[in-house]
Protein backbone atom coordinates (compact mmCIF):
# COMPACT_ATOMS: atom_id res chain seq x y z
CA MET A 1 0.00 0.00 0.00
CA ASP A 2 1.39 3.37 -0.99
CA LYS A 3 1.18 5.93 1.78
CA GLU A 4 1.31 9.53 0.70
CA LEU A 5 1.58 12.38 3.18
CA HIS A 6 -0.21 15.63 2.68
CA LEU A 7 -0.73 18.73 4.77
CA LYS A 8 -4.15 20.11 5.58
CA LEU A 9 -4.39 23.41 7.43
CA ILE A 10 -7.51 24.94 8.89
CA LEU A 11 -7.24 28.62 9.75
CA ARG A 12 -9.62 29.84 12.43
CA LEU A 13 -9.80 33.22 14.12
CA TYR A 14 -10.59 33.51 17.83
CA SER A 15 -11.58 36.51 19.90
CA GLY A 16 -9.62 37.68 22.94
CA ASP A 17 -11.91 35.62 25.17
CA ASP A 18 -11.15 32.56 23.00
CA ARG A 19 -14.47 32.41 21.13
CA ARG A 20 -14.23 30.98 17.64
CA CYS A 21 -15.39 33.85 15.45
CA PHE A 22 -14.25 33.20 11.88
CA GLY A 23 -13.05 30.22 9.92
CA PRO A 24 -13.89 27.95 7.01
CA GLY A 25 -17.50 27.42 8.10
CA ILE A 26 -18.57 31.05 8.19
CA ALA A 27 -16.44 31.78 5.12
CA THR A 28 -18.38 29.13 3.18
CA LEU A 29 -21.66 30.41 4.60
CA LEU A 30 -20.90 33.98 3.50
CA GLU A 31 -19.78 32.78 0.05
CA ARG A 32 -23.07 30.90 -0.29
CA VAL A 33 -25.01 34.03 0.74
CA ARG A 34 -23.21 35.80 -2.14
CA ILE A 35 -24.48 33.11 -4.51
CA HIS A 36 -28.00 32.51 -3.17
CA LYS A 37 -28.75 36.06 -1.93
CA SER A 38 -30.36 34.45 1.12
CA LEU A 39 -29.09 33.21 4.47
CA ARG A 40 -31.80 30.54 4.58
CA ALA A 41 -30.82 29.21 1.13
CA ALA A 42 -27.12 29.43 1.98
CA ALA A 43 -27.64 27.42 5.17
CA ALA A 44 -29.79 24.87 3.35
CA SER A 45 -27.11 24.42 0.68
CA MET A 46 -24.72 23.43 3.48
CA GLU A 47 -27.32 21.24 5.23
CA MET A 48 -27.08 23.62 8.20
CA ALA A 49 -29.98 24.68 10.39
CA TYR A 50 -31.06 28.26 9.76
CA SER A 51 -30.84 28.93 13.51
CA LYS A 52 -27.22 27.75 13.55
CA ALA A 53 -26.42 29.98 10.57
CA TRP A 54 -27.81 32.97 12.44
CA ARG A 55 -25.86 32.01 15.58
CA ILE A 56 -22.62 31.90 13.57
CA ILE A 57 -23.38 35.26 11.93
CA ARG A 58 -24.29 36.90 15.26
CA THR A 59 -21.08 35.69 16.91
CA ALA A 60 -18.99 37.20 14.11
CA GLU A 61 -21.00 40.43 14.27
CA ASP A 62 -20.45 40.63 18.02
CA VAL A 63 -16.70 40.03 17.81
CA PHE A 64 -16.01 42.27 14.80
CA GLY A 65 -18.48 44.99 15.84
CA CYS A 66 -20.25 45.25 12.50
CA LYS A 67 -23.14 43.72 10.61
CA MET A 68 -22.31 40.84 8.28
CA LEU A 69 -25.59 40.82 6.35
CA GLN A 70 -27.94 43.39 4.96
CA SER A 71 -31.38 41.77 4.87
CA THR A 72 -34.63 42.60 3.18
CA ILE A 73 -37.91 41.20 4.43
CA GLY A 74 -40.58 39.61 2.22
CA GLY A 75 -42.43 41.84 -0.18
CA GLN A 76 -43.29 41.34 -3.84
CA HIS A 77 -39.92 39.79 -4.73
CA GLY A 78 -39.41 37.94 -1.44
CA GLY A 79 -36.77 38.61 1.18
CA GLY A 80 -33.09 38.13 0.88
CA ALA A 81 -29.66 39.01 2.16
CA VAL A 82 -26.41 40.40 0.81
CA LEU A 83 -23.04 40.81 2.47
CA THR A 84 -22.22 44.17 3.98
CA PRO A 85 -19.05 45.92 2.77
CA GLU A 86 -17.41 44.93 6.07
CA ALA A 87 -18.31 41.26 5.55
CA GLU A 88 -17.02 41.42 1.97
CA GLN A 89 -13.71 42.85 3.19
CA LEU A 90 -13.44 40.34 6.04
CA LEU A 91 -14.18 37.39 3.73
CA ASP A 92 -11.73 38.57 1.07
CA THR A 93 -9.01 39.22 3.66
CA TYR A 94 -9.57 35.82 5.27
CA ASN A 95 -9.40 34.03 1.89
CA THR A 96 -6.18 35.88 0.97
CA CYS A 97 -4.63 35.04 4.33
CA VAL A 98 -5.61 31.36 4.00
CA ALA A 99 -4.04 31.19 0.52
CA GLU A 100 -0.81 32.83 1.67
CA VAL A 101 -0.47 30.70 4.82
CA ASP A 102 -1.29 27.56 2.84
CA ALA A 103 1.32 28.34 0.15
CA PHE A 104 3.98 28.94 2.80
CA ALA A 105 3.04 25.84 4.79
CA GLN A 106 2.92 23.60 1.71
CA ALA A 107 6.40 24.70 0.64
CA ARG A 108 7.76 24.19 4.15
CA PHE A 109 6.02 20.80 4.39
CA GLU A 110 7.48 19.60 1.08
CA GLU A 111 10.94 20.72 2.16
CA SER A 112 10.69 19.18 5.63
CA PHE A 113 9.21 15.85 4.60
CA ALA A 114 11.13 15.34 1.34
CA PHE A 115 12.89 12.38 2.97
CA PHE A 116 9.55 10.53 3.11
CA LYS A 117 9.15 9.93 -0.62
CA HIS A 118 8.28 6.36 -1.51
CA PRO A 119 10.00 4.90 -4.57
CA GLU A 120 7.75 4.32 -7.58
CA HIS A 121 6.50 0.76 -7.98
């Protein structure tokens, strides 16, 4: 059996009181809100309870001190949600940081574990 090593990083942000406030889950949720224009639809696309989605959003809003979503209620065209400028900036900054940290870590991993290459069969 060929065993191949790989590195998987998960970048999460925590508040000063050690509350998880931003990471891959909320990033995916916000990206899905961008696509679906609805928190309910975004949560459903992730098989997440709507109440949990709101809890995640509210925690981030509390820690960062800004709204993450701008919502509209019902009406002729139905309700919906879009990201606030602050949420857009936070999401973009998080994604950039993840990419940069991942690139650095992958290079370091390949250098450090180069000795663990299996010969081809």
